[in-house]
Amino acid sequence: MLPAPNMTREAMLSPLVMCGPQGLVFLRPVTLRLPHCANAVPSLGLTIKATDTEAHLSTDWDQIHLPATTTLNTVAVKVDHF
């Protein structure tokens, strides 16, 4: 069975990371290094998604287009706020 044309096939390749406190702004960007297991399936691509919704609420995820550095087991992104 094929997925409907508007459906995407996604899998979580890292643990969910919660950063805070919400609204915190840094004077200089900081680097977040996140573990992933995308190397287990080389054909998978990595996408970073984020939300500003509290964990216990229904969430819409936004795809983040940030310069990222990827290694075999981690991806590093610079952020200037939470």
PDB file of N, CA and C in Angstrom:
ATOM      1  N   MET A   1       0.840  -1.176   0.000  1.00  0.00           N
ATOM      2  CA  MET A   1       0.000   0.000   0.000  1.00  0.00           C
ATOM      3  C   MET A   1       0.882   1.234   0.000  1.00  0.00           C
ATOM      4  N   LEU A   2       0.623   2.166  -0.892  1.00  0.00           N
ATOM      5  CA  LEU A   2       1.388   3.402  -0.984  1.00  0.00           C
ATOM      6  C   LEU A   2       0.749   4.486  -0.134  1.00  0.00           C
ATOM      7  N   PRO A   3       1.567   5.388   0.443  1.00  0.00           N
ATOM      8  CA  PRO A   3       0.990   6.477   1.216  1.00  0.00           C
ATOM      9  C   PRO A   3       0.253   7.451   0.302  1.00  0.00           C
ATOM     10  N   ALA A   4      -0.720   8.145   0.862  1.00  0.00           N
ATOM     11  CA  ALA A   4      -1.433   9.175   0.099  1.00  0.00           C
ATOM     12  C   ALA A   4      -0.427  10.237  -0.343  1.00  0.00           C
ATOM     13  N   PRO A   5      -0.675  10.930  -1.471  1.00  0.00           N
ATOM     14  CA  PRO A   5       0.290  11.892  -2.006  1.00  0.00           C
ATOM     15  C   PRO A   5       0.708  12.975  -1.022  1.00  0.00           C
ATOM     16  N   ASN A   6      -0.156  13.397  -0.109  1.00  0.00           N
ATOM     17  CA  ASN A   6       0.212  14.481   0.792  1.00  0.00           C
ATOM     18  C   ASN A   6       0.803  13.977   2.109  1.00  0.00           C
ATOM     19  N   MET A   7       0.965  12.678   2.266  1.00  0.00           N
ATOM     20  CA  MET A   7       1.536  12.130   3.491  1.00  0.00           C
ATOM     21  C   MET A   7       3.040  11.976   3.327  1.00  0.00           C
ATOM     22  N   THR A   8       3.790  12.244   4.396  1.00  0.00           N
ATOM     23  CA  THR A   8       5.226  12.009   4.368  1.00  0.00           C
ATOM     24  C   THR A   8       5.541  10.880   5.328  1.00  0.00           C
ATOM     25  N   ARG A   9       6.589  10.176   5.031  1.00  0.00           N
ATOM     26  CA  ARG A   9       7.024   9.090   5.905  1.00  0.00           C
ATOM     27  C   ARG A   9       8.200   9.614   6.716  1.00  0.00           C
ATOM     28  N   GLU A  10       8.031   9.651   8.032  1.00  0.00           N
ATOM     29  CA  GLU A  10       9.054  10.176   8.912  1.00  0.00           C
ATOM     30  C   GLU A  10       9.276   9.222  10.072  1.00  0.00           C
ATOM     31  N   ALA A  11      10.453   9.284  10.638  1.00  0.00           N
ATOM     32  CA  ALA A  11      10.782   8.517  11.831  1.00  0.00           C
ATOM     33  C   ALA A  11      11.638   9.391  12.729  1.00  0.00           C
ATOM     34  N   MET A  12      11.429   9.277  14.027  1.00  0.00           N
ATOM     35  CA  MET A  12      12.243  10.031  14.971  1.00  0.00           C
ATOM     36  C   MET A  12      13.591   9.336  15.079  1.00  0.00           C
ATOM     37  N   LEU A  13      14.669  10.071  14.786  1.00  0.00           N
ATOM     38  CA  LEU A  13      16.011   9.500  14.774  1.00  0.00           C
ATOM     39  C   LEU A  13      16.859   9.962  15.940  1.00  0.00           C
ATOM     40  N   SER A  14      16.254  10.713  16.856  1.00  0.00           N
ATOM     41  CA  SER A  14      16.970  11.166  18.048  1.00  0.00           C
ATOM     42  C   SER A  14      15.960  11.302  19.178  1.00  0.00           C
ATOM     43  N   PRO A  15      16.475  11.425  20.390  1.00  0.00           N
ATOM     44  CA  PRO A  15      15.542  11.672  21.481  1.00  0.00           C
ATOM     45  C   PRO A  15      14.950  13.075  21.357  1.00  0.00           C
ATOM     46  N   LEU A  16      13.798  13.269  21.931  1.00  0.00           N
ATOM     47  CA  LEU A  16      13.186  14.583  21.991  1.00  0.00           C
ATOM     48  C   LEU A  16      13.989  15.424  22.969  1.00  0.00           C
ATOM     49  N   VAL A  17      14.381  16.625  22.561  1.00  0.00           N
ATOM     50  CA  VAL A  17      15.182  17.509  23.400  1.00  0.00           C
ATOM     51  C   VAL A  17      14.358  18.738  23.725  1.00  0.00           C
ATOM     52  N   MET A  18      14.225  19.018  25.009  1.00  0.00           N
ATOM     53  CA  MET A  18      13.496  20.207  25.444  1.00  0.00           C
ATOM     54  C   MET A  18      14.508  21.217  25.976  1.00  0.00           C
ATOM     55  N   CYS A  19      14.443  22.459  25.472  1.00  0.00           N
ATOM     56  CA  CYS A  19      15.358  23.513  25.891  1.00  0.00           C
ATOM     57  C   CYS A  19      14.557  24.644  26.513  1.00  0.00           C
ATOM     58  N   GLY A  20      15.151  25.314  27.445  1.00  0.00           N
ATOM     59  CA  GLY A  20      14.442  26.412  28.076  1.00  0.00           C
ATOM     60  C   GLY A  20      15.345  27.134  29.038  1.00  0.00           C
ATOM     61  N   PRO A  21      14.816  28.154  29.657  1.00  0.00           N
ATOM     62  CA  PRO A  21      13.406  28.533  29.673  1.00  0.00           C
ATOM     63  C   PRO A  21      12.991  29.193  28.365  1.00  0.00           C
ATOM     64  N   GLN A  22      11.720  29.017  28.022  1.00  0.00           N
ATOM     65  CA  GLN A  22      11.199  29.599  26.789  1.00  0.00           C
ATOM     66  C   GLN A  22      11.348  31.112  26.857  1.00  0.00           C
ATOM     67  N   GLY A  23      11.805  31.709  25.757  1.00  0.00           N
ATOM     68  CA  GLY A  23      12.008  33.148  25.686  1.00  0.00           C
ATOM     69  C   GLY A  23      13.430  33.583  25.995  1.00  0.00           C
ATOM     70  N   LEU A  24      14.294  32.642  26.424  1.00  0.00           N
ATOM     71  CA  LEU A  24      15.683  32.959  26.721  1.00  0.00           C
ATOM     72  C   LEU A  24      16.395  33.366  25.435  1.00  0.00           C
ATOM     73  N   VAL A  25      17.122  34.489  25.468  1.00  0.00           N
ATOM     74  CA  VAL A  25      17.875  34.973  24.307  1.00  0.00           C
ATOM     75  C   VAL A  25      19.345  35.036  24.699  1.00  0.00           C
ATOM     76  N   PHE A  26      20.221  34.500  23.855  1.00  0.00           N
ATOM     77  CA  PHE A  26      21.654  34.499  24.112  1.00  0.00           C
ATOM     78  C   PHE A  26      22.314  35.710  23.470  1.00  0.00           C
ATOM     79  N   LEU A  27      23.379  36.225  24.100  1.00  0.00           N
ATOM     80  CA  LEU A  27      24.130  37.343  23.528  1.00  0.00           C
ATOM     81  C   LEU A  27      24.864  36.902  22.262  1.00  0.00           C
ATOM     82  N   ARG A  28      25.315  35.650  22.249  1.00  0.00           N
ATOM     83  CA  ARG A  28      25.966  35.049  21.082  1.00  0.00           C
ATOM     84  C   ARG A  28      25.314  33.689  20.848  1.00  0.00           C
ATOM     85  N   PRO A  29      25.251  33.226  19.601  1.00  0.00           N
ATOM     86  CA  PRO A  29      24.673  31.907  19.342  1.00  0.00           C
ATOM     87  C   PRO A  29      25.427  30.814  20.100  1.00  0.00           C
ATOM     88  N   VAL A  30      24.678  29.823  20.534  1.00  0.00           N
ATOM     89  CA  VAL A  30      25.257  28.649  21.188  1.00  0.00           C
ATOM     90  C   VAL A  30      25.043  27.445  20.279  1.00  0.00           C
ATOM     91  N   THR A  31      25.852  26.426  20.455  1.00  0.00           N
ATOM     92  CA  THR A  31      25.756  25.225  19.638  1.00  0.00           C
ATOM     93  C   THR A  31      25.068  24.114  20.415  1.00  0.00           C
ATOM     94  N   LEU A  32      24.024  23.568  19.824  1.00  0.00           N
ATOM     95  CA  LEU A  32      23.367  22.381  20.368  1.00  0.00           C
ATOM     96  C   LEU A  32      23.853  21.189  19.566  1.00  0.00           C
ATOM     97  N   ARG A  33      24.345  20.166  20.235  1.00  0.00           N
ATOM     98  CA  ARG A  33      24.757  18.924  19.576  1.00  0.00           C
ATOM     99  C   ARG A  33      23.754  17.848  19.966  1.00  0.00           C
ATOM    100  N   LEU A  34      23.083  17.316  18.964  1.00  0.00           N
ATOM    101  CA  LEU A  34      22.013  16.348  19.194  1.00  0.00           C
ATOM    102  C   LEU A  34      22.410  14.986  18.622  1.00  0.00           C
ATOM    103  N   PRO A  35      22.255  13.924  19.412  1.00  0.00           N
ATOM    104  CA  PRO A  35      22.561  12.591  18.893  1.00  0.00           C
ATOM    105  C   PRO A  35      21.487  12.146  17.903  1.00  0.00           C
ATOM    106  N   HIS A  36      21.865  11.308  16.952  1.00  0.00           N
ATOM    107  CA  HIS A  36      20.893  10.736  16.014  1.00  0.00           C
ATOM    108  C   HIS A  36      21.359   9.351  15.594  1.00  0.00           C
ATOM    109  N   CYS A  37      20.446   8.619  14.980  1.00  0.00           N
ATOM    110  CA  CYS A  37      20.804   7.277  14.498  1.00  0.00           C
ATOM    111  C   CYS A  37      20.534   7.150  12.999  1.00  0.00           C
ATOM    112  N   ALA A  38      20.627   8.248  12.254  1.00  0.00           N
ATOM    113  CA  ALA A  38      20.377   8.210  10.810  1.00  0.00           C
ATOM    114  C   ALA A  38      21.391   7.339  10.084  1.00  0.00           C
ATOM    115  N   ASN A  39      22.581   7.164  10.670  1.00  0.00           N
ATOM    116  CA  ASN A  39      23.587   6.322  10.017  1.00  0.00           C
ATOM    117  C   ASN A  39      23.152   4.866   9.934  1.00  0.00           C
ATOM    118  N   ALA A  40      22.147   4.469  10.721  1.00  0.00           N
ATOM    119  CA  ALA A  40      21.647   3.094  10.661  1.00  0.00           C
ATOM    120  C   ALA A  40      20.937   2.808   9.333  1.00  0.00           C
ATOM    121  N   VAL A  41      20.381   3.861   8.714  1.00  0.00           N
ATOM    122  CA  VAL A  41      19.698   3.742   7.423  1.00  0.00           C
ATOM    123  C   VAL A  41      20.218   4.879   6.543  1.00  0.00           C
ATOM    124  N   PRO A  42      21.324   4.659   5.801  1.00  0.00           N
ATOM    125  CA  PRO A  42      21.992   5.723   5.054  1.00  0.00           C
ATOM    126  C   PRO A  42      21.097   6.484   4.070  1.00  0.00           C
ATOM    127  N   SER A  43      20.019   5.885   3.592  1.00  0.00           N
ATOM    128  CA  SER A  43      19.173   6.571   2.623  1.00  0.00           C
ATOM    129  C   SER A  43      18.288   7.644   3.272  1.00  0.00           C
ATOM    130  N   LEU A  44      18.248   7.662   4.605  1.00  0.00           N
ATOM    131  CA  LEU A  44      17.431   8.668   5.287  1.00  0.00           C
ATOM    132  C   LEU A  44      18.147  10.007   5.310  1.00  0.00           C
ATOM    133  N   GLY A  45      17.405  11.068   5.199  1.00  0.00           N
ATOM    134  CA  GLY A  45      17.954  12.402   5.355  1.00  0.00           C
ATOM    135  C   GLY A  45      17.582  12.923   6.729  1.00  0.00           C
ATOM    136  N   LEU A  46      18.316  13.913   7.200  1.00  0.00           N
ATOM    137  CA  LEU A  46      18.028  14.509   8.495  1.00  0.00           C
ATOM    138  C   LEU A  46      17.264  15.806   8.320  1.00  0.00           C
ATOM    139  N   THR A  47      16.285  16.010   9.158  1.00  0.00           N
ATOM    140  CA  THR A  47      15.540  17.252   9.230  1.00  0.00           C
ATOM    141  C   THR A  47      15.408  17.613  10.695  1.00  0.00           C
ATOM    142  N   ILE A  48      15.645  18.852  11.021  1.00  0.00           N
ATOM    143  CA  ILE A  48      15.472  19.301  12.393  1.00  0.00           C
ATOM    144  C   ILE A  48      14.117  19.976  12.490  1.00  0.00           C
ATOM    145  N   LYS A  49      13.357  19.590  13.488  1.00  0.00           N
ATOM    146  CA  LYS A  49      12.030  20.171  13.688  1.00  0.00           C
ATOM    147  C   LYS A  49      11.953  20.750  15.084  1.00  0.00           C
ATOM    148  N   ALA A  50      11.164  21.810  15.233  1.00  0.00           N
ATOM    149  CA  ALA A  50      11.043  22.476  16.528  1.00  0.00           C
ATOM    150  C   ALA A  50       9.621  22.963  16.730  1.00  0.00           C
ATOM    151  N   THR A  51       9.290  23.183  17.997  1.00  0.00           N
ATOM    152  CA  THR A  51       8.006  23.760  18.349  1.00  0.00           C
ATOM    153  C   THR A  51       8.188  24.597  19.605  1.00  0.00           C
ATOM    154  N   ASP A  52       7.342  25.576  19.782  1.00  0.00           N
ATOM    155  CA  ASP A  52       7.383  26.350  21.022  1.00  0.00           C
ATOM    156  C   ASP A  52       6.188  26.014  21.906  1.00  0.00           C
ATOM    157  N   THR A  53       5.561  24.885  21.637  1.00  0.00           N
ATOM    158  CA  THR A  53       4.405  24.422  22.387  1.00  0.00           C
ATOM    159  C   THR A  53       4.862  23.629  23.599  1.00  0.00           C
ATOM    160  N   GLU A  54       4.161  23.762  24.696  1.00  0.00           N
ATOM    161  CA  GLU A  54       4.453  22.974  25.894  1.00  0.00           C
ATOM    162  C   GLU A  54       4.311  21.486  25.579  1.00  0.00           C
ATOM    163  N   ALA A  55       5.092  20.657  26.223  1.00  0.00           N
ATOM    164  CA  ALA A  55       5.155  19.221  25.935  1.00  0.00           C
ATOM    165  C   ALA A  55       3.816  18.512  26.099  1.00  0.00           C
ATOM    166  N   HIS A  56       2.989  18.941  27.029  1.00  0.00           N
ATOM    167  CA  HIS A  56       1.746  18.229  27.305  1.00  0.00           C
ATOM    168  C   HIS A  56       0.596  18.656  26.394  1.00  0.00           C
ATOM    169  N   LEU A  57       0.836  19.596  25.500  1.00  0.00           N
ATOM    170  CA  LEU A  57      -0.197  20.071  24.587  1.00  0.00           C
ATOM    171  C   LEU A  57      -0.005  19.477  23.199  1.00  0.00           C
ATOM    172  N   SER A  58      -1.076  19.482  22.399  1.00  0.00           N
ATOM    173  CA  SER A  58      -0.979  19.064  21.004  1.00  0.00           C
ATOM    174  C   SER A  58       0.009  19.987  20.290  1.00  0.00           C
ATOM    175  N   THR A  59       0.864  19.422  19.457  1.00  0.00           N
ATOM    176  CA  THR A  59       1.984  20.177  18.894  1.00  0.00           C
ATOM    177  C   THR A  59       1.996  20.159  17.378  1.00  0.00           C
ATOM    178  N   ASP A  60       2.284  21.316  16.787  1.00  0.00           N
ATOM    179  CA  ASP A  60       2.601  21.421  15.363  1.00  0.00           C
ATOM    180  C   ASP A  60       4.101  21.662  15.277  1.00  0.00           C
ATOM    181  N   TRP A  61       4.791  20.856  14.487  1.00  0.00           N
ATOM    182  CA  TRP A  61       6.238  20.942  14.368  1.00  0.00           C
ATOM    183  C   TRP A  61       6.610  21.757  13.141  1.00  0.00           C
ATOM    184  N   ASP A  62       7.578  22.654  13.279  1.00  0.00           N
ATOM    185  CA  ASP A  62       8.109  23.459  12.187  1.00  0.00           C
ATOM    186  C   ASP A  62       9.469  22.915  11.787  1.00  0.00           C
ATOM    187  N   GLN A  63       9.691  22.810  10.481  1.00  0.00           N
ATOM    188  CA  GLN A  63      11.001  22.384  10.000  1.00  0.00           C
ATOM    189  C   GLN A  63      11.946  23.573  10.095  1.00  0.00           C
ATOM    190  N   ILE A  64      13.124  23.353  10.660  1.00  0.00           N
ATOM    191  CA  ILE A  64      14.102  24.419  10.872  1.00  0.00           C
ATOM    192  C   ILE A  64      15.148  24.367   9.764  1.00  0.00           C
ATOM    193  N   HIS A  65      15.340  25.480   9.104  1.00  0.00           N
ATOM    194  CA  HIS A  65      16.346  25.580   8.044  1.00  0.00           C
ATOM    195  C   HIS A  65      17.532  26.366   8.590  1.00  0.00           C
ATOM    196  N   LEU A  66      18.363  25.701   9.356  1.00  0.00           N
ATOM    197  CA  LEU A  66      19.547  26.313   9.937  1.00  0.00           C
ATOM    198  C   LEU A  66      20.776  25.619   9.398  1.00  0.00           C
ATOM    199  N   PRO A  67      21.884  26.354   9.275  1.00  0.00           N
ATOM    200  CA  PRO A  67      23.118  25.656   8.913  1.00  0.00           C
ATOM    201  C   PRO A  67      23.396  24.593   9.968  1.00  0.00           C
ATOM    202  N   ALA A  68      23.667  23.399   9.543  1.00  0.00           N
ATOM    203  CA  ALA A  68      23.887  22.302  10.483  1.00  0.00           C
ATOM    204  C   ALA A  68      25.131  21.530  10.084  1.00  0.00           C
ATOM    205  N   THR A  69      25.816  21.024  11.073  1.00  0.00           N
ATOM    206  CA  THR A  69      26.963  20.159  10.860  1.00  0.00           C
ATOM    207  C   THR A  69      26.576  18.772  11.325  1.00  0.00           C
ATOM    208  N   THR A  70      26.744  17.793  10.450  1.00  0.00           N
ATOM    209  CA  THR A  70      26.337  16.439  10.777  1.00  0.00           C
ATOM    210  C   THR A  70      27.548  15.520  10.799  1.00  0.00           C
ATOM    211  N   THR A  71      27.627  14.690  11.825  1.00  0.00           N
ATOM    212  CA  THR A  71      28.647  13.652  11.882  1.00  0.00           C
ATOM    213  C   THR A  71      27.922  12.314  11.879  1.00  0.00           C
ATOM    214  N   LEU A  72      28.677  11.261  12.065  1.00  0.00           N
ATOM    215  CA  LEU A  72      28.097   9.928  12.026  1.00  0.00           C
ATOM    216  C   LEU A  72      26.962   9.755  13.036  1.00  0.00           C
ATOM    217  N   ASN A  73      27.093  10.353  14.223  1.00  0.00           N
ATOM    218  CA  ASN A  73      26.102  10.139  15.265  1.00  0.00           C
ATOM    219  C   ASN A  73      25.509  11.416  15.867  1.00  0.00           C
ATOM    220  N   THR A  74      25.924  12.590  15.395  1.00  0.00           N
ATOM    221  CA  THR A  74      25.391  13.833  15.951  1.00  0.00           C
ATOM    222  C   THR A  74      25.133  14.856  14.862  1.00  0.00           C
ATOM    223  N   VAL A  75      24.268  15.805  15.173  1.00  0.00           N
ATOM    224  CA  VAL A  75      24.064  16.970  14.324  1.00  0.00           C
ATOM    225  C   VAL A  75      24.217  18.180  15.238  1.00  0.00           C
ATOM    226  N   ALA A  76      24.898  19.219  14.771  1.00  0.00           N
ATOM    227  CA  ALA A  76      25.139  20.424  15.570  1.00  0.00           C
ATOM    228  C   ALA A  76      24.460  21.602  14.880  1.00  0.00           C
ATOM    229  N   VAL A  77      23.706  22.365  15.652  1.00  0.00           N
ATOM    230  CA  VAL A  77      23.037  23.557  15.125  1.00  0.00           C
ATOM    231  C   VAL A  77      23.292  24.714  16.072  1.00  0.00           C
ATOM    232  N   LYS A  78      23.381  25.902  15.510  1.00  0.00           N
ATOM    233  CA  LYS A  78      23.548  27.110  16.327  1.00  0.00           C
ATOM    234  C   LYS A  78      22.179  27.749  16.536  1.00  0.00           C
ATOM    235  N   VAL A  79      21.932  28.159  17.771  1.00  0.00           N
ATOM    236  CA  VAL A  79      20.678  28.823  18.106  1.00  0.00           C
ATOM    237  C   VAL A  79      20.993  30.088  18.899  1.00  0.00           C
ATOM    238  N   ASP A  80      20.124  31.095  18.771  1.00  0.00           N
ATOM    239  CA  ASP A  80      20.331  32.321  19.544  1.00  0.00           C
ATOM    240  C   ASP A  80      19.230  32.552  20.567  1.00  0.00           C
ATOM    241  N   HIS A  81      18.278  31.635  20.629  1.00  0.00           N
ATOM    242  CA  HIS A  81      17.206  31.751  21.623  1.00  0.00           C
ATOM    243  C   HIS A  81      16.507  30.404  21.806  1.00  0.00           C
ATOM    244  N   PHE A  82      15.743  30.299  22.881  1.00  0.00           N
ATOM    245  CA  PHE A  82      14.885  29.136  23.120  1.00  0.00           C
ATOM    246  C   PHE A  82      13.458  29.605  23.103  1.00  0.00           C
TER     247      PHE A  82
END
